[in-house]
Every structure is written in structure tokens, then in C-alpha cells.
N, C-alpha and C. Protein backbone atom coordinates (compact mmCIF):
# COMPACT_ATOMS: atom_id res chain seq x y z
N MET A 1 110.09 103.05 125.14
CA MET A 1 110.57 103.55 123.86
C MET A 1 109.53 103.26 122.79
N ASN A 2 109.28 104.23 121.94
CA ASN A 2 108.34 104.07 120.84
C ASN A 2 108.94 103.20 119.74
N PRO A 3 108.09 102.59 118.92
CA PRO A 3 108.59 101.79 117.80
C PRO A 3 109.44 102.63 116.85
N ARG A 4 110.29 101.96 116.12
CA ARG A 4 111.19 102.60 115.16
C ARG A 4 110.76 102.26 113.73
N VAL A 5 111.22 103.07 112.79
CA VAL A 5 110.85 102.93 111.39
C VAL A 5 111.52 101.70 110.79
N LYS A 6 110.69 100.87 110.16
CA LYS A 6 111.17 99.68 109.46
C LYS A 6 111.27 99.95 107.95
N SER A 7 110.26 100.65 107.41
CA SER A 7 110.29 101.02 105.99
C SER A 7 109.49 102.30 105.79
N VAL A 8 109.80 102.97 104.69
CA VAL A 8 109.12 104.23 104.38
C VAL A 8 108.94 104.36 102.88
N ASN A 9 107.85 105.02 102.52
CA ASN A 9 107.58 105.33 101.12
C ASN A 9 107.12 106.79 101.07
N ALA A 10 107.84 107.61 100.31
CA ALA A 10 107.46 109.01 100.13
C ALA A 10 106.42 109.08 99.02
N VAL A 11 105.24 109.59 99.34
CA VAL A 11 104.16 109.67 98.35
C VAL A 11 103.83 111.13 98.06
N GLN A 12 102.84 111.34 97.24
CA GLN A 12 102.47 112.69 96.83
C GLN A 12 102.09 113.57 98.01
N ASP A 13 102.20 114.86 97.76
CA ASP A 13 101.78 115.88 98.71
C ASP A 13 102.55 115.85 100.03
N TYR A 14 103.82 115.45 99.97
CA TYR A 14 104.73 115.48 101.11
C TYR A 14 104.24 114.61 102.28
N VAL A 15 103.79 113.42 101.93
CA VAL A 15 103.34 112.46 102.93
C VAL A 15 104.26 111.25 102.90
N LEU A 16 104.57 110.74 104.09
CA LEU A 16 105.36 109.51 104.23
C LEU A 16 104.45 108.39 104.69
N GLU A 17 104.51 107.27 104.00
CA GLU A 17 103.84 106.06 104.46
C GLU A 17 104.91 105.25 105.18
N ILE A 18 104.67 104.97 106.44
CA ILE A 18 105.70 104.36 107.28
C ILE A 18 105.19 103.06 107.88
N VAL A 19 106.06 102.05 107.88
CA VAL A 19 105.81 100.82 108.62
C VAL A 19 106.83 100.81 109.76
N PHE A 20 106.31 100.67 110.98
CA PHE A 20 107.18 100.65 112.15
C PHE A 20 107.53 99.21 112.51
N ASN A 21 108.52 99.04 113.37
CA ASN A 21 109.00 97.69 113.69
C ASN A 21 108.02 96.87 114.54
N ASN A 22 106.89 97.46 114.90
CA ASN A 22 105.82 96.69 115.54
C ASN A 22 104.73 96.36 114.51
N ASN A 23 105.06 96.60 113.22
CA ASN A 23 104.20 96.35 112.06
C ASN A 23 103.00 97.29 111.94
N GLU A 24 102.96 98.37 112.71
CA GLU A 24 101.92 99.38 112.52
C GLU A 24 102.23 100.16 111.25
N LYS A 25 101.18 100.46 110.51
CA LYS A 25 101.31 101.28 109.30
C LYS A 25 100.67 102.62 109.59
N LYS A 26 101.44 103.68 109.33
CA LYS A 26 100.96 105.03 109.61
C LYS A 26 101.38 105.96 108.48
N VAL A 27 100.73 107.13 108.44
CA VAL A 27 101.13 108.18 107.49
C VAL A 27 101.53 109.42 108.28
N PHE A 28 102.57 110.07 107.80
CA PHE A 28 103.11 111.27 108.44
C PHE A 28 103.15 112.39 107.42
N ASP A 29 102.53 113.50 107.74
CA ASP A 29 102.49 114.67 106.86
C ASP A 29 103.68 115.57 107.17
N VAL A 30 104.56 115.73 106.20
CA VAL A 30 105.76 116.54 106.39
C VAL A 30 105.51 118.02 106.11
N LYS A 31 104.39 118.37 105.50
CA LYS A 31 104.12 119.76 105.11
C LYS A 31 104.33 120.78 106.24
N PRO A 32 103.89 120.52 107.47
CA PRO A 32 104.09 121.53 108.53
C PRO A 32 105.57 121.84 108.83
N PHE A 33 106.47 120.99 108.40
CA PHE A 33 107.90 121.18 108.67
C PHE A 33 108.61 121.94 107.54
N LEU A 34 107.97 122.06 106.38
CA LEU A 34 108.66 122.54 105.19
C LEU A 34 109.10 124.00 105.23
N ASN A 35 108.62 124.78 106.18
CA ASN A 35 109.03 126.18 106.27
C ASN A 35 110.02 126.43 107.40
N PHE A 36 110.59 125.37 107.95
CA PHE A 36 111.54 125.49 109.06
C PHE A 36 112.93 125.05 108.64
N GLY A 37 113.88 125.97 108.71
CA GLY A 37 115.29 125.67 108.50
C GLY A 37 115.58 124.81 107.29
N LEU A 38 116.39 123.78 107.51
CA LEU A 38 116.82 122.92 106.41
C LEU A 38 115.69 122.09 105.82
N PHE A 39 114.59 121.95 106.56
CA PHE A 39 113.47 121.18 106.02
C PHE A 39 112.90 121.81 104.75
N SER A 40 113.17 123.10 104.54
CA SER A 40 112.70 123.75 103.31
C SER A 40 113.31 123.09 102.07
N GLU A 41 114.46 122.43 102.22
CA GLU A 41 115.07 121.71 101.10
C GLU A 41 114.17 120.59 100.59
N LEU A 42 113.28 120.09 101.46
CA LEU A 42 112.40 118.99 101.07
C LEU A 42 111.24 119.46 100.19
N LYS A 43 111.09 120.78 100.00
CA LYS A 43 110.09 121.29 99.06
C LYS A 43 110.41 120.82 97.65
N ASP A 44 111.68 120.57 97.40
CA ASP A 44 112.11 119.99 96.12
C ASP A 44 111.60 118.54 96.11
N THR A 45 110.62 118.26 95.27
CA THR A 45 109.99 116.93 95.29
C THR A 45 110.97 115.81 94.99
N ILE A 46 111.99 116.09 94.20
CA ILE A 46 113.00 115.06 93.92
C ILE A 46 113.75 114.72 95.20
N MET A 47 114.11 115.74 95.98
CA MET A 47 114.78 115.50 97.25
C MET A 47 113.85 114.78 98.21
N PHE A 48 112.59 115.19 98.27
CA PHE A 48 111.64 114.54 99.17
C PHE A 48 111.53 113.05 98.87
N GLN A 49 111.57 112.69 97.61
CA GLN A 49 111.44 111.29 97.21
C GLN A 49 112.65 110.43 97.61
N THR A 50 113.74 111.04 98.07
CA THR A 50 114.91 110.25 98.47
C THR A 50 114.79 109.68 99.88
N ALA A 51 113.64 109.88 100.52
CA ALA A 51 113.44 109.37 101.88
C ALA A 51 113.69 107.87 101.95
N LYS A 52 114.40 107.46 103.01
CA LYS A 52 114.63 106.03 103.23
C LYS A 52 114.68 105.75 104.73
N ALA A 53 114.42 104.50 105.06
CA ALA A 53 114.49 104.08 106.46
C ALA A 53 115.92 103.70 106.78
N GLU A 54 116.44 104.30 107.83
CA GLU A 54 117.81 103.99 108.26
C GLU A 54 117.95 104.32 109.74
N LEU A 55 118.57 103.43 110.48
CA LEU A 55 118.82 103.62 111.91
C LEU A 55 117.53 103.89 112.69
N GLY A 56 116.43 103.29 112.24
CA GLY A 56 115.17 103.40 112.96
C GLY A 56 114.38 104.66 112.71
N THR A 57 114.81 105.46 111.75
CA THR A 57 114.10 106.69 111.43
C THR A 57 114.07 106.91 109.93
N VAL A 58 113.61 108.07 109.51
CA VAL A 58 113.60 108.44 108.09
C VAL A 58 114.70 109.46 107.87
N ILE A 59 115.51 109.20 106.84
CA ILE A 59 116.54 110.16 106.46
C ILE A 59 116.42 110.45 104.97
N TRP A 60 116.95 111.60 104.58
CA TRP A 60 116.96 111.99 103.17
C TRP A 60 118.39 112.08 102.70
N GLU A 61 118.54 112.11 101.40
CA GLU A 61 119.85 112.16 100.76
C GLU A 61 120.70 113.34 101.23
N ASN A 62 120.07 114.44 101.62
CA ASN A 62 120.81 115.62 102.07
C ASN A 62 121.21 115.53 103.55
N GLY A 63 120.92 114.39 104.22
CA GLY A 63 121.32 114.20 105.61
C GLY A 63 120.27 114.56 106.63
N LEU A 64 119.17 115.16 106.20
CA LEU A 64 118.08 115.50 107.13
C LEU A 64 117.42 114.25 107.67
N ASP A 65 116.96 114.35 108.89
CA ASP A 65 116.17 113.26 109.47
C ASP A 65 115.12 113.85 110.39
N ILE A 66 114.18 113.00 110.80
CA ILE A 66 113.15 113.41 111.75
C ILE A 66 113.21 112.43 112.92
N CYS A 67 113.09 112.94 114.11
CA CYS A 67 113.11 112.10 115.31
C CYS A 67 112.09 110.97 115.15
N PRO A 68 112.51 109.72 115.38
CA PRO A 68 111.57 108.61 115.24
C PRO A 68 110.39 108.69 116.20
N ASP A 69 110.56 109.28 117.36
CA ASP A 69 109.44 109.46 118.29
C ASP A 69 108.41 110.41 117.70
N THR A 70 108.87 111.49 117.08
CA THR A 70 107.96 112.42 116.41
C THR A 70 107.20 111.71 115.30
N LEU A 71 107.91 110.93 114.51
CA LEU A 71 107.26 110.20 113.42
C LEU A 71 106.15 109.29 113.95
N TYR A 72 106.43 108.59 115.02
CA TYR A 72 105.45 107.65 115.56
C TYR A 72 104.27 108.38 116.24
N LEU A 73 104.58 109.34 117.07
CA LEU A 73 103.54 110.00 117.87
C LEU A 73 102.64 110.94 117.05
N GLU A 74 103.20 111.54 116.01
CA GLU A 74 102.43 112.52 115.24
C GLU A 74 101.88 111.97 113.92
N SER A 75 102.07 110.70 113.67
CA SER A 75 101.52 110.11 112.44
C SER A 75 100.15 109.54 112.71
N LYS A 76 99.42 109.32 111.63
CA LYS A 76 98.06 108.79 111.73
C LYS A 76 98.05 107.33 111.27
N LYS A 77 97.37 106.51 112.03
CA LYS A 77 97.30 105.09 111.74
C LYS A 77 96.50 104.84 110.46
N VAL A 78 97.00 103.93 109.64
CA VAL A 78 96.30 103.53 108.42
C VAL A 78 95.34 102.41 108.78
N GLU A 79 94.10 102.59 108.43
CA GLU A 79 93.08 101.57 108.74
C GLU A 79 93.03 100.51 107.67
């Protein structure tokens, strides 16, 4: 099983700064998802900023979430 989200910070340009429960720090670009289904709601920057870590993943105020495995595998490590 891949690590799970411990904390998240939504930053400019639809990027999430994520700390996983193994203490790895990574960034995840949400832009490629913004034209698919309900993810288009995250184009609203106020909604995007509501991102929080819960149940090992990232969720938003509107109930959207992203699979924690996707977050871990497709994010880039912060050096």
C-alpha cells in the first residue's frame, strides 16, 4: 500500500503541496483533472483552496476527492 496524505496545502496554479505519512513531501498538479466531470468545480479558486487532508487523502468542501494512490504515484518529490 502506498503512503497516505498527512497534510495538504493548496497553492497557486492548482498545485497541492502534500506531506505523506512516510514524511515525503511532494507536489501534485491538479490542472490535468480540471476539465473532467465534477473536477471542473475546482476551477473556482476559492473552492480549490478548501482542500484538506482527511481519511488519508485530499478532499474538498464540495465532497470531491482524489485517490490517495494517484496522489502519491503521480506527484513530484520536493527536493
